[in-house]
N, C-alpha and C. Protein backbone atom coordinates (compact mmCIF):
# COMPACT_ATOMS: atom_id res chain seq x y z
N MET A 1 45.37 153.86 148.86
CA MET A 1 46.31 153.65 147.70
C MET A 1 46.23 154.35 146.81
N MET A 2 44.90 154.55 145.83
CA MET A 2 45.02 155.49 144.99
C MET A 2 45.38 156.79 144.96
N LEU A 3 44.82 157.31 146.33
CA LEU A 3 45.30 158.74 146.56
C LEU A 3 46.82 159.12 146.64
N SER A 4 47.36 158.01 147.19
CA SER A 4 48.85 158.24 147.07
C SER A 4 49.42 158.29 145.71
N PHE A 5 48.78 157.77 144.69
CA PHE A 5 49.27 157.89 143.38
C PHE A 5 49.13 159.14 142.82
N PHE A 6 48.09 159.86 143.04
CA PHE A 6 47.75 161.04 142.76
C PHE A 6 48.38 162.22 143.63
N ASP A 7 48.74 161.84 144.90
CA ASP A 7 49.73 162.82 145.36
C ASP A 7 50.90 163.27 144.51
N GLN A 8 51.43 162.84 143.91
CA GLN A 8 52.60 163.61 143.10
C GLN A 8 52.37 164.59 142.07
N PHE A 9 51.11 164.73 141.87
CA PHE A 9 50.29 165.51 141.02
C PHE A 9 50.35 166.87 141.87
N ALA A 10 49.93 166.88 143.25
CA ALA A 10 49.82 168.02 143.73
C ALA A 10 50.88 169.01 144.16
N THR A 11 50.77 170.04 144.16
CA THR A 11 51.67 171.34 143.91
C THR A 11 52.27 170.99 145.14
N PRO A 12 53.64 171.14 145.51
CA PRO A 12 54.48 171.38 146.54
C PRO A 12 54.34 172.51 147.14
N VAL A 13 54.35 172.61 148.47
CA VAL A 13 54.12 174.11 149.08
C VAL A 13 54.99 174.00 150.17
N TYR A 14 56.05 174.90 150.75
CA TYR A 14 57.03 175.16 151.70
C TYR A 14 56.92 176.30 152.38
N LEU A 15 56.39 176.37 153.62
CA LEU A 15 56.07 177.37 154.36
C LEU A 15 54.82 178.57 153.72
N GLY A 16 54.05 177.70 153.15
CA GLY A 16 52.84 178.41 152.62
C GLY A 16 53.01 178.73 151.31
N VAL A 17 54.13 178.78 150.75
CA VAL A 17 54.45 179.36 149.65
C VAL A 17 54.64 178.19 148.38
N PRO A 18 53.60 178.24 147.31
CA PRO A 18 53.36 177.03 146.29
C PRO A 18 54.98 177.31 145.68
N LEU A 19 55.68 176.09 145.52
CA LEU A 19 57.21 175.88 144.91
C LEU A 19 56.63 175.78 143.26
N ILE A 20 55.90 176.14 142.66
CA ILE A 20 55.63 175.96 141.19
C ILE A 20 56.11 177.12 140.62
N VAL A 21 56.42 178.23 141.27
CA VAL A 21 57.43 179.18 141.02
C VAL A 21 58.66 178.60 140.75
N LEU A 22 59.42 178.13 141.74
CA LEU A 22 60.54 177.45 141.63
C LEU A 22 60.95 176.42 140.53
N ALA A 23 59.65 175.57 140.22
CA ALA A 23 59.54 174.50 139.21
C ALA A 23 59.66 175.07 137.78
N LEU A 24 59.06 176.43 137.71
CA LEU A 24 59.09 176.92 136.37
C LEU A 24 60.27 177.81 136.12
N THR A 25 61.27 178.40 137.09
CA THR A 25 62.18 178.86 136.50
C THR A 25 63.53 178.31 136.79
N LEU A 26 63.28 176.85 137.31
CA LEU A 26 64.89 176.16 137.21
C LEU A 26 65.09 175.67 135.79
N PRO A 27 64.11 175.21 134.99
CA PRO A 27 64.51 174.98 133.69
C PRO A 27 65.37 176.07 132.72
N TRP A 28 64.98 176.99 133.38
CA TRP A 28 65.98 178.11 132.40
C TRP A 28 67.04 178.47 133.08
N VAL A 29 67.46 178.07 134.26
CA VAL A 29 69.02 177.91 135.06
C VAL A 29 69.76 176.98 134.44
N LEU A 30 69.28 175.61 134.05
CA LEU A 30 69.74 174.55 133.61
C LEU A 30 70.13 174.69 131.87
N LEU A 31 69.65 175.71 131.41
CA LEU A 31 69.81 175.42 129.87
C LEU A 31 71.21 176.15 129.77
N PRO A 32 72.03 175.58 129.01
CA PRO A 32 73.65 176.23 128.64
C PRO A 32 73.33 177.58 127.87
N THR A 33 74.41 178.48 127.96
CA THR A 33 74.17 179.62 127.14
C THR A 33 75.58 180.10 126.78
N PRO A 34 75.53 180.57 125.55
CA PRO A 34 76.74 180.86 125.03
C PRO A 34 78.01 181.61 125.71
N SER A 35 79.06 181.57 125.59
CA SER A 35 80.21 182.00 126.19
C SER A 35 80.95 183.17 125.24
N ALA A 36 81.85 183.56 125.64
CA ALA A 36 82.69 184.61 125.04
C ALA A 36 83.60 183.91 124.16
N ARG A 37 84.07 182.71 124.42
CA ARG A 37 85.09 182.26 123.82
C ARG A 37 84.87 181.64 122.08
N TRP A 38 85.88 181.53 121.25
CA TRP A 38 85.66 181.48 119.93
C TRP A 38 84.60 180.33 119.64
N LYS A 39 84.84 179.35 120.41
CA LYS A 39 84.02 177.92 120.40
C LYS A 39 83.33 177.57 121.67
N ASN A 40 82.00 177.27 121.22
CA ASN A 40 81.30 176.94 122.30
C ASN A 40 81.22 175.68 122.46
N ASN A 41 80.53 174.98 123.76
CA ASN A 41 80.78 173.68 124.05
C ASN A 41 79.83 172.67 123.18
N ARG A 42 79.76 171.29 123.39
CA ARG A 42 78.96 170.53 122.60
C ARG A 42 77.46 170.83 122.97
N PHE A 43 76.94 171.45 124.11
CA PHE A 43 75.64 171.48 124.85
C PHE A 43 75.00 172.46 124.04
N VAL A 44 75.70 173.60 123.86
CA VAL A 44 75.37 175.19 123.40
C VAL A 44 75.16 174.79 121.79
N ASN A 45 76.16 173.87 121.17
CA ASN A 45 76.12 173.73 119.89
C ASN A 45 75.11 172.78 119.49
N LEU A 46 74.59 171.98 120.29
CA LEU A 46 73.42 171.02 120.39
C LEU A 46 72.17 171.64 120.12
N GLU A 47 72.27 172.60 121.04
CA GLU A 47 70.85 173.69 121.67
C GLU A 47 70.67 174.47 120.31
N SER A 48 71.68 175.21 119.86
CA SER A 48 71.71 175.87 118.64
C SER A 48 70.94 175.43 117.42
N TRP A 49 71.66 173.87 117.38
CA TRP A 49 71.14 173.30 116.17
C TRP A 49 69.87 172.92 116.13
N PHE A 50 69.54 172.77 117.30
CA PHE A 50 68.09 171.90 117.66
C PHE A 50 66.97 173.40 117.07
N ILE A 51 67.53 174.56 117.60
CA ILE A 51 66.42 175.49 117.68
C ILE A 51 66.79 176.12 116.10
N ARG A 52 67.76 176.14 115.75
CA ARG A 52 67.60 176.48 114.25
C ARG A 52 67.03 175.40 113.26
N ASN A 53 67.13 174.38 113.65
CA ASN A 53 66.07 173.69 112.58
C ASN A 53 64.76 173.12 112.93
N PHE A 54 64.40 173.83 114.27
CA PHE A 54 63.22 173.74 114.74
C PHE A 54 62.23 174.62 114.26
N ALA A 55 62.82 175.92 114.47
CA ALA A 55 62.64 177.32 113.77
C ALA A 55 62.36 177.03 112.24
N LYS A 56 63.13 176.70 111.75
CA LYS A 56 62.97 176.50 110.20
C LYS A 56 62.06 175.64 109.87
N GLU A 57 61.98 174.35 110.29
CA GLU A 57 60.53 173.38 109.90
C GLU A 57 59.37 174.18 110.43
N LEU A 58 59.33 174.86 111.39
CA LEU A 58 58.01 175.06 111.93
C LEU A 58 57.64 176.25 111.08
N LEU A 59 58.37 177.34 111.11
CA LEU A 59 57.89 178.34 109.81
C LEU A 59 57.85 178.33 108.83
N LEU A 60 58.52 177.51 108.17
CA LEU A 60 58.56 176.86 106.83
C LEU A 60 56.98 177.47 105.71
N PRO A 61 55.91 176.53 106.46
CA PRO A 61 54.79 177.05 106.09
C PRO A 61 53.85 177.99 106.13
N ILE A 62 54.58 179.07 107.09
CA ILE A 62 53.76 180.07 107.63
C ILE A 62 54.43 181.28 106.78
N LYS A 63 53.45 182.37 106.39
CA LYS A 63 53.60 183.58 105.68
C LYS A 63 55.10 184.47 106.75
N GLN A 64 55.58 185.04 105.99
CA GLN A 64 56.33 185.92 106.27
C GLN A 64 56.01 186.96 107.45
N GLY A 65 54.72 187.28 107.54
CA GLY A 65 54.02 188.02 108.77
C GLY A 65 54.13 187.39 110.07
N GLY A 66 54.15 185.75 110.07
CA GLY A 66 54.09 185.18 111.08
C GLY A 66 55.42 184.66 111.88
N HIS A 67 56.56 184.92 110.97
CA HIS A 67 58.13 184.96 111.64
C HIS A 67 58.39 185.52 112.85
N LYS A 68 57.54 186.30 113.07
CA LYS A 68 58.07 187.47 114.28
C LYS A 68 57.57 186.58 115.52
N TRP A 69 56.66 185.26 115.38
CA TRP A 69 56.54 184.66 116.48
C TRP A 69 57.67 183.27 116.73
N ALA A 70 58.68 183.40 115.95
CA ALA A 70 59.93 182.44 116.25
C ALA A 70 60.47 182.14 117.39
N LEU A 71 60.51 183.46 117.81
CA LEU A 71 61.28 183.32 119.48
C LEU A 71 60.57 183.05 120.35
N LEU A 72 59.16 183.09 119.96
CA LEU A 72 58.24 182.46 121.34
C LEU A 72 58.09 181.23 121.13
N PHE A 73 57.93 180.83 119.96
CA PHE A 73 57.86 179.44 119.67
C PHE A 73 58.76 178.46 120.09
N THR A 74 60.37 178.89 119.74
CA THR A 74 61.38 178.01 119.91
C THR A 74 61.77 178.22 121.77
N SER A 75 61.40 179.51 122.31
CA SER A 75 61.45 179.51 123.89
C SER A 75 60.44 178.39 124.38
N LEU A 76 59.46 178.31 123.83
CA LEU A 76 58.31 177.75 124.18
C LEU A 76 58.41 175.95 124.01
N VAL A 77 59.18 175.54 122.97
CA VAL A 77 59.11 173.98 123.19
C VAL A 77 60.62 173.65 123.77
N VAL A 78 61.60 174.60 123.65
CA VAL A 78 62.42 174.29 124.84
C VAL A 78 62.19 174.20 126.35
N PHE A 79 61.37 175.35 126.57
CA PHE A 79 61.14 175.32 127.86
C PHE A 79 60.12 174.12 128.25
N LEU A 80 59.14 173.84 127.62
CA LEU A 80 58.12 172.53 127.71
C LEU A 80 59.24 171.15 128.00
N ILE A 81 59.68 171.25 126.79
CA ILE A 81 60.60 169.94 126.70
C ILE A 81 61.75 169.80 128.09
N THR A 82 62.25 170.63 128.57
CA THR A 82 63.02 170.79 129.56
C THR A 82 62.10 169.99 131.01
N MET A 83 60.91 171.17 130.97
CA MET A 83 60.15 170.79 132.36
C MET A 83 59.75 169.17 132.04
N ASN A 84 59.23 168.89 131.01
CA ASN A 84 58.88 167.49 130.79
C ASN A 84 59.45 166.31 131.08
N VAL A 85 60.81 166.57 130.78
CA VAL A 85 61.64 165.53 131.01
C VAL A 85 62.33 165.75 132.47
N LEU A 86 62.37 166.78 132.76
CA LEU A 86 63.14 166.86 134.29
C LEU A 86 61.98 166.05 135.31
N GLY A 87 60.53 166.45 134.89
CA GLY A 87 59.78 165.86 135.66
C GLY A 87 59.68 164.15 135.80
N LEU A 88 60.15 163.65 135.18
CA LEU A 88 60.62 161.92 135.19
C LEU A 88 61.63 161.67 136.00
N LEU A 89 62.27 162.57 136.31
CA LEU A 89 63.40 162.53 137.55
C LEU A 89 62.37 162.07 138.96
N PRO A 90 63.16 161.18 139.63
CA PRO A 90 62.24 161.25 140.93
C PRO A 90 62.43 162.07 141.88
N TYR A 91 61.49 162.38 142.52
CA TYR A 91 61.07 163.66 143.20
C TYR A 91 61.23 164.86 142.86
N ILE A 92 60.73 164.89 141.44
CA ILE A 92 60.80 166.16 140.98
C ILE A 92 59.41 166.57 140.30
N PHE A 93 58.77 167.83 140.63
CA PHE A 93 57.38 168.21 140.51
C PHE A 93 57.30 168.37 138.94
N THR A 94 56.35 168.15 138.40
CA THR A 94 56.28 168.45 137.00
C THR A 94 55.23 169.49 136.69
N PRO A 95 55.46 170.61 136.73
CA PRO A 95 54.28 171.88 136.31
C PRO A 95 53.20 171.64 135.47
N THR A 96 53.82 170.60 134.17
CA THR A 96 52.88 170.76 133.21
C THR A 96 51.63 169.79 133.40
N THR A 97 51.68 168.95 134.52
CA THR A 97 50.78 168.01 134.93
C THR A 97 49.54 168.67 135.57
N GLN A 98 49.72 170.06 135.82
CA GLN A 98 48.69 170.88 136.39
C GLN A 98 47.97 171.32 135.18
N LEU A 99 46.46 171.09 134.82
CA LEU A 99 45.73 171.54 133.81
C LEU A 99 45.82 173.45 133.89
N SER A 100 45.50 173.73 135.25
CA SER A 100 45.77 175.38 135.13
C SER A 100 46.93 175.91 134.24
N LEU A 101 48.13 175.29 134.41
CA LEU A 101 49.08 175.71 133.77
C LEU A 101 49.30 175.70 132.49
N SER A 102 48.69 173.97 131.88
CA SER A 102 48.52 174.16 130.58
C SER A 102 47.92 175.13 129.81
N LEU A 103 46.64 175.20 130.37
CA LEU A 103 45.49 176.19 129.90
C LEU A 103 46.22 177.92 130.24
N GLY A 104 47.03 177.79 131.05
CA GLY A 104 47.49 178.92 131.05
C GLY A 104 48.46 179.70 130.01
N PHE A 105 49.04 178.51 129.65
CA PHE A 105 50.13 178.78 128.08
C PHE A 105 49.10 178.46 126.95
N ALA A 106 48.19 177.80 127.12
CA ALA A 106 47.32 177.57 125.62
C ALA A 106 46.39 178.91 125.40
N VAL A 107 45.57 179.27 126.59
CA VAL A 107 44.70 179.95 126.01
C VAL A 107 44.77 181.37 125.85
N PRO A 108 45.95 181.97 126.26
CA PRO A 108 46.38 183.27 125.86
C PRO A 108 47.35 183.21 124.30
N LEU A 109 48.05 182.20 124.06
CA LEU A 109 48.60 182.22 122.81
C LEU A 109 47.52 181.74 121.70
N TRP A 110 46.85 180.89 122.04
CA TRP A 110 45.45 180.76 121.29
C TRP A 110 44.82 182.01 120.79
N LEU A 111 44.35 182.60 122.11
CA LEU A 111 43.48 183.90 121.92
C LEU A 111 44.73 184.83 120.70
N ALA A 112 45.93 185.12 121.11
CA ALA A 112 46.76 185.92 120.31
C ALA A 112 46.39 185.64 118.79
N THR A 113 46.57 184.61 118.51
CA THR A 113 46.45 184.04 117.17
C THR A 113 45.08 184.32 116.49
N VAL A 114 44.30 184.16 117.26
CA VAL A 114 42.76 184.56 117.06
C VAL A 114 42.89 186.00 116.79
N ILE A 115 43.15 186.95 117.59
CA ILE A 115 43.15 188.28 117.81
C ILE A 115 43.96 188.77 116.39
N THR A 116 45.29 188.08 115.98
CA THR A 116 46.03 188.67 114.95
C THR A 116 45.30 188.35 113.63
N GLY A 117 44.26 187.08 113.39
CA GLY A 117 43.82 186.99 112.10
C GLY A 117 42.50 188.10 112.18
N MET A 118 42.03 188.46 113.35
CA MET A 118 40.71 189.23 113.04
C MET A 118 41.30 190.49 112.75
N ARG A 119 42.40 190.90 112.96
CA ARG A 119 42.75 192.65 113.18
C ARG A 119 43.49 192.36 111.62
N ASN A 120 44.08 191.37 111.11
CA ASN A 120 44.79 191.52 109.98
C ASN A 120 44.03 191.03 108.61
N GLN A 121 43.15 190.09 108.90
CA GLN A 121 42.34 189.75 107.85
C GLN A 121 40.67 189.34 108.36
N PRO A 122 40.08 190.28 108.92
CA PRO A 122 38.72 190.02 109.55
C PRO A 122 37.56 189.06 108.61
N LYS A 123 37.63 189.65 107.47
CA LYS A 123 36.95 188.58 106.49
C LYS A 123 37.03 187.34 106.14
N ILE A 124 38.35 187.02 106.30
CA ILE A 124 38.89 185.65 106.01
C ILE A 124 38.88 184.70 107.26
N ALA A 125 38.92 185.50 108.37
CA ALA A 125 39.33 184.73 109.70
C ALA A 125 37.57 184.32 110.04
N PHE A 126 36.64 185.51 109.62
CA PHE A 126 34.92 185.23 109.87
C PHE A 126 34.38 184.23 108.65
N ALA A 127 35.23 184.05 107.87
CA ALA A 127 34.92 183.01 106.55
C ALA A 127 35.14 181.60 106.81
N HIS A 128 36.17 181.58 108.01
CA HIS A 128 36.45 180.12 108.37
C HIS A 128 35.21 179.60 108.96
N MET A 129 34.40 180.49 109.56
CA MET A 129 32.79 179.85 110.35
C MET A 129 32.15 179.33 109.46
N LEU A 130 31.96 179.55 108.22
CA LEU A 130 30.78 179.13 107.25
C LEU A 130 31.52 178.71 105.86
N PRO A 131 31.39 177.16 105.84
CA PRO A 131 32.27 176.90 104.17
C PRO A 131 31.38 177.43 103.30
N GLU A 132 32.03 177.59 102.32
CA GLU A 132 31.25 178.05 100.63
C GLU A 132 30.24 176.94 100.43
N GLY A 133 29.18 177.59 100.03
CA GLY A 133 28.10 176.76 99.15
C GLY A 133 27.53 175.81 100.34
N THR A 134 27.27 176.63 101.50
CA THR A 134 26.62 175.79 102.69
C THR A 134 24.91 176.02 102.30
N PRO A 135 23.90 175.19 102.18
CA PRO A 135 22.70 175.25 102.33
C PRO A 135 22.32 176.22 103.27
N THR A 136 20.98 177.11 103.26
CA THR A 136 20.68 178.01 103.86
C THR A 136 20.23 177.51 105.12
N LEU A 137 19.61 176.24 105.12
CA LEU A 137 18.94 175.84 106.44
C LEU A 137 20.10 175.26 107.32
N LEU A 138 21.58 175.06 106.76
CA LEU A 138 22.51 174.58 107.60
C LEU A 138 23.35 175.68 108.06
N ILE A 139 22.95 177.04 107.78
CA ILE A 139 23.83 178.16 107.81
C ILE A 139 23.99 178.15 109.56
N PRO A 140 22.91 178.57 110.04
CA PRO A 140 23.07 178.56 111.83
C PRO A 140 23.49 177.41 112.45
N ILE A 141 23.30 176.21 112.09
CA ILE A 141 24.01 175.05 112.59
C ILE A 141 25.26 175.01 112.32
N LEU A 142 25.96 175.30 111.34
CA LEU A 142 27.62 174.99 110.73
C LEU A 142 28.16 176.08 111.53
N ILE A 143 27.69 177.34 111.70
CA ILE A 143 28.09 178.38 112.56
C ILE A 143 28.43 178.34 113.92
N ILE A 144 27.26 177.67 114.56
CA ILE A 144 27.37 177.19 116.05
C ILE A 144 28.31 176.32 116.43
N ILE A 145 28.50 175.27 115.39
CA ILE A 145 29.60 174.16 115.12
C ILE A 145 30.92 174.84 115.15
N GLU A 146 31.06 175.52 114.20
CA GLU A 146 32.51 176.18 114.19
C GLU A 146 32.85 177.08 115.18
N THR A 147 32.11 177.74 115.65
CA THR A 147 32.43 178.26 117.01
C THR A 147 32.90 177.72 117.94
N VAL A 148 32.21 176.47 118.20
CA VAL A 148 32.34 175.91 119.32
C VAL A 148 33.99 175.07 119.01
N SER A 149 33.88 174.70 117.98
CA SER A 149 35.40 173.92 117.87
C SER A 149 36.34 174.84 117.71
N LEU A 150 36.03 175.99 117.35
CA LEU A 150 37.19 177.34 117.72
C LEU A 150 37.37 177.46 119.01
N LEU A 151 36.08 177.31 119.98
CA LEU A 151 36.41 177.64 121.23
C LEU A 151 37.14 176.36 122.53
N VAL A 152 36.69 175.54 121.56
CA VAL A 152 37.52 174.02 122.03
C VAL A 152 39.21 174.07 121.83
N ARG A 153 39.64 174.64 120.90
CA ARG A 153 40.94 174.41 120.73
C ARG A 153 42.00 174.62 122.04
N PRO A 154 41.95 175.88 122.65
CA PRO A 154 42.59 175.78 123.78
C PRO A 154 42.23 174.95 125.16
N LEU A 155 41.49 174.36 125.02
CA LEU A 155 41.03 173.73 126.08
C LEU A 155 41.75 172.12 125.70
N ALA A 156 41.61 171.80 124.52
CA ALA A 156 42.19 170.70 123.80
C ALA A 156 43.65 170.63 123.67
N LEU A 157 44.23 171.57 123.52
CA LEU A 157 45.62 171.78 123.97
C LEU A 157 46.14 171.53 125.06
N GLY A 158 45.57 172.17 126.43
CA GLY A 158 45.77 172.12 127.79
C GLY A 158 45.74 170.72 128.09
N LEU A 159 44.60 169.66 127.65
CA LEU A 159 44.24 168.57 128.13
C LEU A 159 45.05 167.62 127.46
N ARG A 160 45.69 167.91 126.25
CA ARG A 160 46.46 167.09 125.50
C ARG A 160 47.57 166.62 126.13
N LEU A 161 48.07 168.04 126.73
CA LEU A 161 49.60 167.77 127.18
C LEU A 161 49.57 167.36 128.73
N THR A 162 48.27 167.73 129.34
CA THR A 162 48.38 167.47 130.72
C THR A 162 48.13 165.78 130.78
N ALA A 163 47.14 165.39 130.27
CA ALA A 163 46.38 164.00 130.13
C ALA A 163 47.53 163.02 130.03
N ASN A 164 48.54 163.40 128.96
CA ASN A 164 49.64 162.48 128.27
C ASN A 164 50.46 162.44 129.33
N LEU A 165 51.37 163.17 130.02
CA LEU A 165 51.84 163.33 131.11
C LEU A 165 51.37 162.83 132.46
N THR A 166 50.44 163.16 132.49
CA THR A 166 49.73 162.46 133.65
C THR A 166 49.63 160.80 133.50
N ALA A 167 49.38 160.45 132.32
CA ALA A 167 49.00 159.09 132.27
C ALA A 167 50.33 158.20 132.20
N GLY A 168 51.62 158.93 131.63
CA GLY A 168 52.80 158.38 131.75
C GLY A 168 53.33 158.05 133.18
N HIS A 169 53.15 159.25 133.84
CA HIS A 169 53.88 159.24 135.35
C HIS A 169 53.06 158.44 136.21
N LEU A 170 51.50 158.11 135.89
CA LEU A 170 51.06 156.95 136.79
C LEU A 170 51.22 155.65 136.32
N LEU A 171 51.44 155.43 134.94
CA LEU A 171 51.93 154.13 134.66
C LEU A 171 53.29 153.90 135.09
N ILE A 172 54.30 154.89 135.30
CA ILE A 172 55.57 154.42 135.77
C ILE A 172 55.51 154.12 137.42
N GLU A 173 54.80 155.10 137.87
CA GLU A 173 54.36 154.82 139.31
C GLU A 173 53.87 153.66 139.79
N LEU A 174 52.89 153.02 138.95
CA LEU A 174 51.92 151.78 139.19
C LEU A 174 53.36 150.43 138.93
N ILE A 175 54.21 150.53 137.75
CA ILE A 175 55.01 149.39 137.47
C ILE A 175 55.99 149.56 138.34
N SER A 176 56.46 150.53 139.10
CA SER A 176 57.27 151.00 139.92
C SER A 176 57.06 150.18 141.33
N SER A 177 55.91 150.38 141.92
CA SER A 177 55.35 150.09 142.93
C SER A 177 55.05 148.47 142.66
N ALA A 178 54.72 147.89 141.66
CA ALA A 178 54.67 146.21 141.12
C ALA A 178 56.19 145.76 141.36
N ALA A 179 57.08 146.24 140.79
CA ALA A 179 58.35 145.56 140.99
C ALA A 179 59.03 145.54 142.31
N THR A 180 58.74 146.84 143.03
CA THR A 180 59.05 146.60 144.54
C THR A 180 58.53 145.73 145.42
N THR A 181 57.12 145.57 145.13
CA THR A 181 56.06 144.56 145.76
C THR A 181 56.62 142.82 145.38
N LEU A 182 56.96 143.00 144.00
CA LEU A 182 57.15 141.38 144.02
C LEU A 182 58.45 140.96 143.92
N LEU A 183 59.62 142.01 144.42
CA LEU A 183 60.85 141.66 144.69
C LEU A 183 61.20 140.55 145.59
N PRO A 184 60.69 140.58 146.74
CA PRO A 184 61.07 139.69 147.64
C PRO A 184 60.31 138.49 147.48
N LEU A 185 59.25 138.23 146.62
CA LEU A 185 58.42 137.23 146.42
C LEU A 185 58.85 136.46 145.28
N MET A 186 58.64 137.15 144.01
CA MET A 186 59.16 136.82 142.62
C MET A 186 60.36 137.25 142.01
N PRO A 187 61.39 137.27 142.51
CA PRO A 187 62.43 138.12 141.89
C PRO A 187 62.52 137.94 140.20
N VAL A 188 62.14 136.73 139.64
CA VAL A 188 62.25 136.87 138.27
C VAL A 188 61.42 138.18 137.65
N VAL A 189 59.93 137.74 138.05
CA VAL A 189 59.07 138.42 137.48
C VAL A 189 59.24 139.97 137.95
N ALA A 190 59.87 140.30 139.25
CA ALA A 190 60.08 141.38 139.37
C ALA A 190 61.53 142.11 138.74
N PHE A 191 62.33 141.32 138.37
CA PHE A 191 63.40 141.79 137.04
C PHE A 191 62.68 142.21 135.96
N LEU A 192 61.54 141.32 135.47
CA LEU A 192 60.99 141.42 133.95
C LEU A 192 60.31 142.64 134.22
N THR A 193 59.79 143.24 135.38
CA THR A 193 58.89 144.12 135.48
C THR A 193 59.61 145.61 135.63
N ALA A 194 60.96 145.26 136.11
CA ALA A 194 61.76 146.50 136.07
C ALA A 194 62.49 146.70 134.51
N VAL A 195 62.56 145.79 133.86
CA VAL A 195 62.96 145.78 132.49
C VAL A 195 61.60 146.57 131.69
N ILE A 196 60.61 146.42 131.91
CA ILE A 196 59.45 146.92 131.46
C ILE A 196 59.55 148.48 131.73
N LEU A 197 59.66 148.72 133.08
CA LEU A 197 59.60 150.06 133.47
C LEU A 197 61.02 150.88 133.00
N PHE A 198 61.97 150.31 132.60
CA PHE A 198 63.00 150.76 131.87
C PHE A 198 62.50 151.25 130.57
N LEU A 199 61.99 150.37 129.73
CA LEU A 199 61.47 150.61 128.51
C LEU A 199 60.36 151.84 128.56
N LEU A 200 59.40 151.67 129.26
CA LEU A 200 58.71 152.66 129.83
C LEU A 200 58.91 153.97 129.85
N THR A 201 60.24 154.18 130.52
CA THR A 201 60.81 155.41 131.05
C THR A 201 61.44 155.88 129.75
N LEU A 202 61.89 154.94 129.00
CA LEU A 202 62.63 155.45 127.57
C LEU A 202 61.39 156.15 126.89
N LEU A 203 60.41 155.41 126.87
CA LEU A 203 59.20 156.22 125.88
C LEU A 203 58.25 157.03 126.55
N GLU A 204 58.43 157.57 127.96
CA GLU A 204 58.20 158.54 128.42
C GLU A 204 58.95 159.93 128.39
N ILE A 205 60.37 159.46 128.11
CA ILE A 205 61.06 160.60 127.47
C ILE A 205 60.65 161.12 126.37
N ALA A 206 60.35 159.99 125.18
CA ALA A 206 59.89 160.43 124.03
C ALA A 206 58.63 160.91 123.92
N VAL A 207 57.69 160.79 124.80
CA VAL A 207 56.63 161.61 124.84
C VAL A 207 56.60 162.71 125.23
N ALA A 208 57.16 162.92 126.37
CA ALA A 208 57.63 164.24 126.80
C ALA A 208 57.89 165.16 125.76
N MET A 209 58.99 164.86 124.76
CA MET A 209 59.25 165.65 124.10
C MET A 209 58.53 165.75 122.98
N ILE A 210 57.68 164.59 122.64
CA ILE A 210 56.44 165.06 121.58
C ILE A 210 55.60 165.86 121.87
N GLN A 211 55.20 165.64 122.84
CA GLN A 211 54.03 166.50 123.47
C GLN A 211 54.53 168.03 123.43
N ALA A 212 55.54 168.21 123.74
CA ALA A 212 55.93 169.62 123.74
C ALA A 212 56.10 170.11 122.10
N TYR A 213 56.39 169.32 121.51
CA TYR A 213 56.65 169.62 119.98
C TYR A 213 55.19 169.83 119.50
N VAL A 214 54.20 168.43 119.53
CA VAL A 214 52.60 168.87 119.22
C VAL A 214 52.14 170.09 119.58
N PHE A 215 52.33 170.41 120.96
CA PHE A 215 51.81 171.48 121.63
C PHE A 215 51.94 173.10 120.73
N VAL A 216 53.36 173.18 120.53
CA VAL A 216 53.83 173.99 119.53
C VAL A 216 53.56 174.28 118.57
N LEU A 217 53.45 172.88 117.90
CA LEU A 217 53.03 172.99 116.08
C LEU A 217 51.54 173.12 116.01
N LEU A 218 50.64 172.75 116.96
CA LEU A 218 49.20 173.05 117.01
C LEU A 218 49.06 174.59 116.73
N LEU A 219 49.87 175.48 117.86
CA LEU A 219 49.70 176.68 117.85
C LEU A 219 50.25 177.48 116.30
N SER A 220 51.49 176.52 115.82
CA SER A 220 51.74 177.08 114.67
C SER A 220 50.55 177.19 113.66
N LEU A 221 50.08 176.02 113.78
CA LEU A 221 49.20 175.97 112.45
C LEU A 221 47.70 176.71 112.83
N TYR A 222 47.22 177.20 114.22
CA TYR A 222 46.44 178.05 114.31
C TYR A 222 46.91 179.27 114.12
N LEU A 223 48.45 179.85 114.05
CA LEU A 223 48.50 180.93 113.40
C LEU A 223 48.84 180.90 111.66
N GLN A 224 48.79 179.87 111.32
CA GLN A 224 49.11 179.87 109.94
C GLN A 224 47.56 180.38 109.21
N GLU A 225 46.50 179.81 110.09
CA GLU A 225 45.22 180.20 109.68
C GLU A 225 45.04 181.46 109.66
N ASN A 226 45.68 182.03 110.64
CA ASN A 226 45.22 183.68 110.94
C ASN A 226 46.14 184.50 110.33
N VAL A 227 47.24 184.31 109.62
CA VAL A 227 48.24 185.19 109.02
C VAL A 227 48.25 185.28 107.50
């Protein structure tokens, strides 16, 4: 029984070809694109409004040198939100529930922010490893602790995204299975369980959006330290 619950997180394969590539490209196809008309439709206007306000709020505390990351961050958050929300639909595979994919996003982007800091301001980048006024005996220990905390950042980014989405999907499947099982036995309890399932689905839609935003927000904070 428990194995069937976790089967939803296995990468689907068709004719020996993993379908995760299709799952990664599908969100881009569904996004509305501007047309040659004088006025765009409501979906394009909503998308433009979201991207404009998101980029403004995200890059407001970052110096001018980090504004070149605006296109990358906005594209990433739209991509993650689309994948996370689509993954809540029945029979839809969610690529972000795979830790390998989340780390595939987190590690290169985190490494790019670190390399940016070491290239532009190496003294300040290495100064973060040792707070000012540290006693001499604590210097080696603090350097090790700061180095470990720096290296753990991409792992925490990927784990946070994957764990939250995985937990939500498991809860939805458990409650839906309970509602289906209780329907012929206790219809009233099954109805209340279905109401809880509906509310949980709304919560998971919010979580899917929030986790995408948090993922990109933390990357922007790492960039802010290195710009």
